[in-house]
């Protein structure tokens, strides 16, 4: 009886190994799988120039979040304190700033899709990285150029949405009170590009999208998550930017909550401020964790809980606090980060990496370069050029403004 059981087990193991080899051969013979968005019910696989329905038809349930939950995470992680500066940005850019908020949102969403497609390409070409990468964005960059707790995204979205709702209610109820003394000026070249930086910052966090995608049950559906998530994000941003500027005009402060607290009665602005604080506490460590991990890799800090890792992360947090105390003005710092870091990681790199990946040909013949439609290549190149030109111009303007005016209230540098 025992020998029969052993033979059955051996036969089962042999069958599993054979099945595994067949699956691996099937995967390798498929070469590169480039997922293309072609409507809500069709993700197709391109291989060697042929287009066919991806094998398996129905996605295999391997655990993970759904595409709708991923959309929730996108809004929860990106929407945050940058939202509060949008009305002030419109005072610097004029009513065209509302259109800029909308267009930047569309551009950021498209860049998010490029990152999604890039990560699917990476997974198909380098299966060893599938489900095992803690830093998808740097991995994409490396291949192109030479999960945290799951309640957090929901809580971040809930707090941000409630704070946005309370702010919108306060602006609507006391619109006439604020609007009585409102004035509106025409923006000039300097103020316009100073206003672009905070708008770019508001869409920061694009680099975290591959991390969210990596935690999904069906990663090929992440494009849907981007569309749903950014539809909600753009709606929040455009409404608060337009209503805040329409109500207070040029007198709106760099933080819309400051305007509401000083010029309107009631507790809603205070409650909204508390909710934003809760949002920062819940979303901050999710957004900053990939940066910490990357810096630990650079400085060879072990990926385990020990005293050295605690001290290293504490030192990094100290540097962040030092930056905040050096440039205490809310909107100045947002403008500088938005026009430099966010422009690079949120717009320039996603497009450049995607262009590079689809144009690559493997020397071993495992995958070949794929042709992009002319219109899509034109969009990618346009976003890269605009990102470089607008980002560089806004960065220079933001740095000049900080040097001239932004350090006046610094507790570290006397001007």
Protein backbone atom coordinates (compact mmCIF):
# COMPACT_ATOMS: atom_id res chain seq x y z
CA UNK A 1 0.00 0.00 0.00
CA UNK A 2 2.81 2.34 0.95
CA UNK A 3 4.75 1.56 -2.22
CA UNK A 4 1.62 2.24 -4.28
CA UNK A 5 1.22 5.64 -2.60
CA UNK A 6 4.85 6.46 -3.27
CA UNK A 7 4.44 5.53 -6.95
CA UNK A 8 1.32 7.72 -7.18
CA UNK A 9 3.14 10.67 -5.65
CA UNK A 10 6.11 10.17 -7.96
CA UNK A 11 3.78 9.99 -10.96
CA UNK A 12 2.02 13.18 -9.83
CA UNK A 13 5.33 15.01 -9.40
CA UNK A 14 6.47 13.89 -12.84
CA UNK A 15 3.19 15.14 -14.31
CA UNK A 16 3.55 18.51 -12.56
CA UNK A 17 7.13 18.92 -13.75
CA UNK A 18 6.12 18.09 -17.31
CA UNK A 19 3.24 20.57 -17.10
CA UNK A 20 5.57 23.20 -15.72
CA UNK A 21 8.08 22.67 -18.56
CA UNK A 22 5.30 22.88 -21.11
CA UNK A 23 4.02 26.12 -19.56
CA UNK A 24 7.52 27.58 -19.57
CA UNK A 25 8.05 26.58 -23.19
CA UNK A 26 4.70 28.08 -24.10
CA UNK A 27 5.63 31.31 -22.34
CA UNK A 28 9.04 31.54 -23.99
CA UNK A 29 7.67 30.76 -27.42
CA UNK A 30 5.22 33.63 -27.04
CA UNK A 31 8.23 36.01 -26.97
CA UNK A 32 7.20 39.50 -25.93
CA UNK A 33 3.66 40.26 -24.87
CA UNK A 34 2.78 43.91 -25.42
CA UNK A 35 -0.64 44.72 -24.00
CA UNK A 36 -2.48 47.35 -26.02
CA UNK A 37 -5.58 49.20 -24.86
CA UNK A 38 -8.28 48.44 -27.40
CA UNK A 39 -11.50 48.94 -25.51
CA UNK A 40 -12.78 47.62 -22.19
CA UNK A 41 -13.16 44.00 -23.30
CA UNK A 42 -10.02 43.48 -25.33
CA UNK A 43 -6.43 43.18 -24.24
CA UNK A 44 -4.40 41.71 -27.07
CA UNK A 45 -0.95 40.21 -27.20
CA UNK A 46 1.48 41.16 -29.93
CA UNK A 47 4.31 38.75 -30.67
CA UNK A 48 6.60 38.81 -33.64
CA UNK A 49 4.30 41.19 -35.45
CA UNK A 50 1.21 38.99 -35.07
CA UNK A 51 -1.76 40.11 -33.00
CA UNK A 52 -3.84 37.54 -31.24
CA UNK A 53 -6.04 37.20 -28.19
CA UNK A 54 -3.95 36.70 -25.10
CA UNK A 55 -3.84 33.02 -24.09
CA UNK A 56 -6.05 31.90 -21.25
CA UNK A 57 -8.93 34.25 -22.14
CA UNK A 58 -10.15 34.63 -18.53
CA UNK A 59 -7.48 35.92 -16.13
CA UNK A 60 -6.25 33.43 -13.58
CA UNK A 61 -7.12 34.32 -9.99
CA UNK A 62 -3.72 34.56 -8.37
CA UNK A 63 -4.81 36.90 -5.60
CA UNK A 64 -4.48 40.64 -5.47
CA UNK A 65 -6.61 43.73 -5.81
CA UNK A 66 -9.17 44.40 -8.54
CA UNK A 67 -8.82 47.13 -11.16
CA UNK A 68 -11.47 49.22 -9.39
CA UNK A 69 -9.58 48.99 -6.09
CA UNK A 70 -6.40 49.94 -7.95
CA UNK A 71 -8.27 53.02 -9.24
CA UNK A 72 -9.15 53.87 -5.63
CA UNK A 73 -5.48 53.59 -4.71
CA UNK A 74 -4.49 55.89 -7.58
CA UNK A 75 -6.80 58.66 -6.36
CA UNK A 76 -5.93 58.05 -2.71
CA UNK A 77 -2.17 58.20 -3.26
CA UNK A 78 -2.00 61.08 -5.75
CA UNK A 79 -4.72 63.40 -4.43
CA UNK A 80 -3.43 65.22 -1.39
CA UNK A 81 -1.95 68.48 -0.19
CA UNK A 82 -1.21 69.58 -3.76
CA UNK A 83 -4.96 70.00 -4.22
CA UNK A 84 -5.00 72.83 -1.69
CA UNK A 85 -2.71 75.02 -3.80
CA UNK A 86 -4.65 74.68 -7.05
CA UNK A 87 -6.89 77.77 -6.55
CA UNK A 88 -3.78 79.85 -5.82
CA UNK A 89 -2.14 78.47 -8.98
CA UNK A 90 -5.13 79.72 -10.96
CA UNK A 91 -4.60 83.22 -9.52
CA UNK A 92 -1.12 83.14 -11.08
CA UNK A 93 -2.18 81.65 -14.41
CA UNK A 94 -5.66 83.18 -14.81
CA UNK A 95 -8.72 81.22 -15.93
CA UNK A 96 -6.53 79.40 -18.44
CA UNK A 97 -5.06 77.69 -15.37
CA UNK A 98 -8.25 75.64 -14.99
CA UNK A 99 -7.69 74.37 -18.53
CA UNK A 100 -4.07 73.66 -17.63
CA UNK A 101 -5.23 71.56 -14.65
CA UNK A 102 -7.44 69.57 -17.01
CA UNK A 103 -4.79 69.12 -19.72
CA UNK A 104 -2.04 68.21 -17.25
CA UNK A 105 -4.44 65.63 -15.80
CA UNK A 106 -4.99 64.06 -19.21
CA UNK A 107 -1.24 64.07 -19.86
CA UNK A 108 -0.50 62.53 -16.48
CA UNK A 109 -3.13 59.84 -17.08
CA UNK A 110 -1.56 58.97 -20.43
CA UNK A 111 1.88 58.78 -18.82
CA UNK A 112 0.37 56.44 -16.23
CA UNK A 113 -0.85 54.21 -19.06
CA UNK A 114 2.66 54.24 -20.54
CA UNK A 115 4.05 53.07 -17.21
CA UNK A 116 1.38 50.35 -17.08
CA UNK A 117 2.28 49.08 -20.55
CA UNK A 118 5.99 49.33 -19.77
CA UNK A 119 5.63 47.17 -16.67
CA UNK A 120 3.67 44.53 -18.60
CA UNK A 121 6.47 44.47 -21.16
CA UNK A 122 9.03 44.06 -18.36
CA UNK A 123 7.06 41.18 -16.83
CA UNK A 124 6.75 39.39 -20.16
CA UNK A 125 10.45 39.78 -20.99
CA UNK A 126 11.85 39.25 -17.50
CA UNK A 127 9.57 36.77 -15.69
CA UNK A 128 11.95 36.68 -12.72
CA UNK A 129 10.74 40.20 -11.81
CA UNK A 130 7.06 39.27 -11.90
CA UNK A 131 5.55 39.64 -8.42
CA UNK A 132 9.03 39.93 -6.92
CA UNK A 133 9.95 43.55 -7.59
CA UNK A 134 9.79 46.06 -4.74
CA UNK A 135 10.84 48.94 -6.99
CA UNK A 136 9.03 48.63 -10.35
CA UNK A 137 9.75 52.20 -11.52
CA UNK A 138 13.56 51.88 -11.19
CA UNK A 139 13.35 48.40 -12.75
CA UNK A 140 11.55 49.84 -15.78
CA UNK A 141 14.17 52.56 -16.07
CA UNK A 142 17.00 50.04 -15.79
CA UNK A 143 15.59 47.75 -18.49
CA UNK A 144 14.74 50.69 -20.73
CA UNK A 145 18.04 52.55 -20.39
CA UNK A 146 21.10 50.38 -20.12
CA UNK A 147 2.69 45.85 -0.54
CA UNK A 148 2.08 47.74 1.94
CA UNK A 149 -1.06 47.40 4.04
CA UNK A 150 -4.23 47.34 1.88
CA UNK A 151 -6.52 49.42 4.04
CA UNK A 152 -4.26 52.50 3.49
CA UNK A 153 -5.42 53.41 -0.03
CA UNK A 154 -9.08 53.34 1.00
CA UNK A 155 -8.45 55.48 4.07
CA UNK A 156 -6.36 57.95 2.05
CA UNK A 157 -9.13 58.31 -0.53
CA UNK A 158 -11.86 58.63 2.12
CA UNK A 159 -10.08 61.39 4.02
CA UNK A 160 -9.15 63.32 0.87
CA UNK A 161 -12.66 63.04 -0.57
CA UNK A 162 -14.29 64.21 2.66
CA UNK A 163 -11.86 67.12 3.00
CA UNK A 164 -12.53 68.09 -0.63
CA UNK A 165 -16.30 67.83 -0.05
CA UNK A 166 -16.22 70.01 3.07
CA UNK A 167 -14.07 72.60 1.28
CA UNK A 168 -16.46 72.67 -1.67
CA UNK A 169 -19.47 73.04 0.65
CA UNK A 170 -17.81 75.95 2.47
CA UNK A 171 -16.88 77.63 -0.82
CA UNK A 172 -20.42 77.21 -2.17
CA UNK A 173 -22.23 78.42 0.95
CA UNK A 174 -20.06 81.50 1.41
CA UNK A 175 -19.38 82.18 -2.27
CA UNK A 176 -21.06 85.59 -2.22
CA UNK A 177 -19.19 86.64 0.94
CA UNK A 178 -15.86 85.80 -0.63
CA UNK A 179 -16.72 87.12 -4.08
CA UNK A 180 -17.71 90.62 -2.94
CA UNK A 181 -14.09 91.73 -2.61
CA UNK A 182 -12.60 89.46 -5.28
CA UNK A 183 -10.37 90.94 -7.97
CA UNK A 184 -8.92 89.23 -11.03
CA UNK A 185 -5.69 90.21 -12.79
CA UNK A 186 -4.11 89.14 -16.05
CA UNK A 187 -1.13 86.82 -15.48
CA UNK A 188 2.29 87.69 -16.86
CA UNK A 189 5.08 85.38 -18.01
CA UNK A 190 6.67 85.04 -14.56
CA UNK A 191 3.50 84.36 -12.58
CA UNK A 192 2.19 81.94 -15.21
CA UNK A 193 5.16 79.61 -14.94
CA UNK A 194 5.22 79.99 -11.16
CA UNK A 195 1.65 78.69 -11.21
CA UNK A 196 2.54 75.68 -13.39
CA UNK A 197 4.79 74.09 -10.74
CA UNK A 198 2.09 73.50 -8.09
CA UNK A 199 -0.24 72.12 -10.78
CA UNK A 200 2.43 69.60 -11.78
CA UNK A 201 3.02 68.77 -8.11
CA UNK A 202 -0.69 68.01 -7.66
CA UNK A 203 -0.30 65.16 -10.14
CA UNK A 204 2.85 63.85 -8.47
CA UNK A 205 2.93 60.20 -7.47
CA UNK A 206 2.84 58.74 -10.98
CA UNK A 207 6.03 56.83 -10.18
CA UNK A 208 4.09 54.78 -7.59
CA UNK A 209 1.62 53.45 -10.18
CA UNK A 210 3.67 50.36 -11.15
CA UNK A 211 3.76 49.42 -7.46
CA UNK A 212 -0.05 49.50 -7.36
CA UNK A 213 -0.21 47.54 -10.62
CA UNK A 214 2.19 44.95 -9.22
CA UNK A 215 -0.31 44.24 -6.44
CA UNK A 216 -3.20 43.59 -8.82
CA UNK A 217 -4.95 40.31 -9.53
CA UNK A 218 -4.98 41.00 -13.30
CA UNK A 219 -2.21 43.44 -14.14
CA UNK A 220 -3.26 43.80 -17.77
CA UNK A 221 -6.40 45.62 -16.59
CA UNK A 222 -4.44 48.44 -14.98
CA UNK A 223 -5.13 50.76 -17.91
CA UNK A 224 -8.78 50.69 -16.83
CA UNK A 225 -7.69 51.58 -13.30
CA UNK A 226 -5.77 54.58 -14.65
CA UNK A 227 -8.78 55.77 -16.66
CA UNK A 228 -11.22 55.44 -13.74
CA UNK A 229 -8.78 56.82 -11.19
CA UNK A 230 -7.75 59.85 -13.21
CA UNK A 231 -11.36 60.59 -14.16
CA UNK A 232 -12.09 61.00 -10.45
CA UNK A 233 -8.84 62.83 -9.79
CA UNK A 234 -9.34 65.39 -12.57
CA UNK A 235 -12.91 65.99 -11.44
CA UNK A 236 -11.76 66.80 -7.89
CA UNK A 237 -8.99 69.08 -9.09
CA UNK A 238 -10.85 71.06 -11.74
CA UNK A 239 -13.85 71.76 -9.50
CA UNK A 240 -11.89 72.99 -6.47
CA UNK A 241 -9.49 75.03 -8.63
CA UNK A 242 -12.31 76.75 -10.54
CA UNK A 243 -14.63 77.35 -7.58
CA UNK A 244 -11.84 78.52 -5.28
CA UNK A 245 -10.58 81.06 -7.80
CA UNK A 246 -14.06 82.18 -8.79
CA UNK A 247 -14.96 82.81 -5.15
CA UNK A 248 -11.86 84.58 -3.81
CA UNK A 249 -10.01 85.75 -6.94
CA UNK A 250 -6.52 87.14 -6.42
CA UNK A 251 -6.92 87.14 -2.63
CA UNK A 252 -6.98 83.34 -2.34
CA UNK A 253 -4.09 82.10 -0.22
CA UNK A 254 -1.54 79.47 -1.25
CA UNK A 255 -3.57 77.02 0.83
CA UNK A 256 -7.30 77.33 0.14
CA UNK A 257 -8.08 76.18 3.68
CA UNK A 258 -6.32 79.24 5.08
CA UNK A 259 -8.67 81.45 3.07
CA UNK A 260 -11.72 79.54 4.29
CA UNK A 261 -10.59 79.59 7.93
CA UNK A 262 -9.90 83.32 8.02
CA UNK A 263 -12.74 84.64 5.86
CA UNK A 264 -15.66 82.26 6.49
CA UNK A 265 -17.27 81.06 9.75
CA UNK A 266 -17.85 77.50 10.86
CA UNK A 267 -15.82 74.40 11.64
CA UNK A 268 -15.81 72.74 8.21
CA UNK A 269 -12.41 74.18 7.17
CA UNK A 270 -10.87 72.95 10.43
CA UNK A 271 -12.39 69.50 9.96
CA UNK A 272 -11.09 69.44 6.37
CA UNK A 273 -7.62 70.36 7.62
CA UNK A 274 -7.70 67.51 10.14
CA UNK A 275 -8.80 65.09 7.43
CA UNK A 276 -5.93 66.18 5.19
CA UNK A 277 -3.57 65.58 8.11
CA UNK A 278 -4.95 62.05 8.49
CA UNK A 279 -4.50 61.57 4.75
CA UNK A 280 -0.86 62.62 4.92
CA UNK A 281 -0.21 60.29 7.84
CA UNK A 282 -1.75 57.33 6.00
CA UNK A 283 -0.53 57.96 2.47
CA UNK A 284 2.89 59.47 3.16
CA UNK A 285 4.72 56.30 4.15
CA UNK A 286 3.30 54.42 1.15
CA UNK A 287 4.55 57.09 -1.25
CA UNK A 288 7.90 57.59 0.47
CA UNK A 289 8.67 53.89 1.05
CA UNK A 290 9.96 53.19 -2.50
CA UNK A 291 12.34 56.14 -2.14
CA UNK A 292 13.59 54.78 1.18
CA UNK A 293 14.12 51.33 -0.31
CA UNK A 294 16.02 52.76 -3.26
CA UNK A 295 18.29 54.81 -1.00
CA UNK A 296 18.88 51.75 1.20
CA UNK A 297 19.96 49.85 -1.89
CA UNK A 298 22.38 52.64 -2.86
CA UNK A 299 23.95 52.75 0.61
CA UNK A 300 23.85 48.96 1.09
CA UNK A 301 21.51 49.01 4.07
CA UNK A 302 20.21 45.51 4.79
CA UNK A 303 16.57 44.83 3.93
CA UNK A 304 15.64 43.84 7.48
CA UNK A 305 14.56 45.49 10.69
CA UNK A 306 17.66 46.51 12.60
CA UNK A 307 19.21 49.56 14.27
CA UNK A 308 21.14 50.65 11.17
CA UNK A 309 17.98 50.72 9.03
CA UNK A 310 16.08 52.66 11.70
CA UNK A 311 18.85 55.25 11.97
CA UNK A 312 19.15 55.52 8.18
CA UNK A 313 15.45 56.16 7.66
CA UNK A 314 15.38 58.58 10.58
CA UNK A 315 18.23 60.53 8.98
CA UNK A 316 16.35 60.70 5.67
CA UNK A 317 13.25 61.99 7.45
CA UNK A 318 15.43 64.56 9.16
CA UNK A 319 16.64 65.78 5.77
CA UNK A 320 13.05 66.14 4.58
CA UNK A 321 12.17 68.19 7.67
CA UNK A 322 15.29 70.32 7.09
CA UNK A 323 14.13 71.10 3.54
CA UNK A 324 10.69 72.04 4.84
CA UNK A 325 12.15 74.39 7.46
CA UNK A 326 14.57 75.94 4.96
CA UNK A 327 11.78 76.78 2.48
CA UNK A 328 8.72 77.10 4.73
CA UNK A 329 6.41 78.67 2.17
CA UNK A 330 3.93 76.00 1.10
CA UNK A 331 3.48 76.95 -2.53
CA UNK A 332 7.15 77.78 -3.22
CA UNK A 333 8.27 74.29 -2.28
CA UNK A 334 5.41 72.69 -4.20
CA UNK A 335 6.30 74.71 -7.28
CA UNK A 336 9.97 73.72 -7.16
CA UNK A 337 9.29 70.00 -6.62
CA UNK A 338 6.48 69.95 -9.17
CA UNK A 339 8.42 71.66 -11.94
CA UNK A 340 11.54 69.55 -11.42
CA UNK A 341 11.04 66.11 -9.85
CA UNK A 342 7.41 65.55 -10.85
CA UNK A 343 7.97 66.80 -14.39
CA UNK A 344 10.77 64.25 -14.77
CA UNK A 345 9.25 61.21 -13.04
CA UNK A 346 5.64 61.90 -13.97
CA UNK A 347 5.88 63.03 -17.59
CA UNK A 348 9.32 62.84 -19.20
CA UNK A 349 10.56 59.43 -17.99
CA UNK A 350 7.32 57.41 -18.46
CA UNK A 351 7.09 58.48 -22.11
CA UNK A 352 10.81 58.07 -22.77
CA UNK A 353 10.95 54.62 -21.13
CA UNK A 354 7.92 53.40 -23.06
CA UNK A 355 9.37 54.61 -26.35
CA UNK A 356 12.66 52.92 -25.54
CA UNK A 357 11.10 49.60 -24.50
CA UNK A 358 8.85 49.17 -27.53
CA UNK A 359 11.78 50.00 -29.79
CA UNK A 360 14.12 47.42 -28.29
CA UNK A 361 15.11 44.18 -30.05
CA UNK A 362 16.57 41.33 -28.02
CA UNK A 363 19.91 40.05 -29.45
CA UNK A 364 18.84 36.51 -28.52
CA UNK A 365 15.67 36.86 -30.56
CA UNK A 366 13.22 36.51 -27.66
CA UNK A 367 11.41 39.70 -28.65
CA UNK A 368 11.57 42.27 -31.39
CA UNK A 369 10.85 45.97 -31.73
CA UNK A 370 7.23 46.88 -32.21
CA UNK A 371 5.79 49.64 -34.35
CA UNK A 372 3.85 52.42 -32.65
CA UNK A 373 1.13 54.35 -34.47
CA UNK A 374 2.38 57.70 -35.72
CA UNK A 375 -0.18 59.58 -33.63
CA UNK A 376 0.91 57.84 -30.44
CA UNK A 377 4.59 58.42 -31.12
CA UNK A 378 3.76 62.09 -31.76
CA UNK A 379 1.96 62.33 -28.40
CA UNK A 380 4.88 60.74 -26.58
CA UNK A 381 7.46 63.04 -28.17
CA UNK A 382 5.24 66.09 -27.56
CA UNK A 383 4.86 65.23 -23.87
CA UNK A 384 8.61 64.76 -23.51
CA UNK A 385 9.38 68.09 -25.19
CA UNK A 386 6.70 69.94 -23.20
CA UNK A 387 7.91 68.30 -20.00
CA UNK A 388 11.47 69.44 -20.63
CA UNK A 389 10.62 72.99 -21.75
CA UNK A 390 7.85 73.74 -19.24
CA UNK A 391 9.60 71.89 -16.41
CA UNK A 392 12.92 73.65 -16.97
CA UNK A 393 11.32 77.09 -17.30
CA UNK A 394 9.15 76.61 -14.23
CA UNK A 395 12.10 75.27 -12.24
CA UNK A 396 14.19 78.35 -13.01
CA UNK A 397 11.26 80.62 -12.10
CA UNK A 398 10.58 78.73 -8.88
CA UNK A 399 14.23 78.81 -7.78
CA UNK A 400 14.50 82.50 -8.58
CA UNK A 401 11.35 83.23 -6.59
CA UNK A 402 12.60 81.19 -3.61
CA UNK A 403 15.96 82.97 -3.59
CA UNK A 404 14.33 86.41 -3.81
CA UNK A 405 11.27 85.96 -1.61
CA UNK A 406 10.82 82.40 -0.36
CA UNK A 407 13.56 82.42 2.29
CA UNK A 408 12.27 85.52 4.09
CA UNK A 409 10.51 83.43 6.75
CA UNK A 410 13.11 80.65 6.91
CA UNK A 411 14.30 79.81 10.39
CA UNK A 412 17.65 78.58 9.04
CA UNK A 413 18.68 81.15 6.43
CA UNK A 414 18.47 84.87 7.08
CA UNK A 415 17.79 87.13 4.08
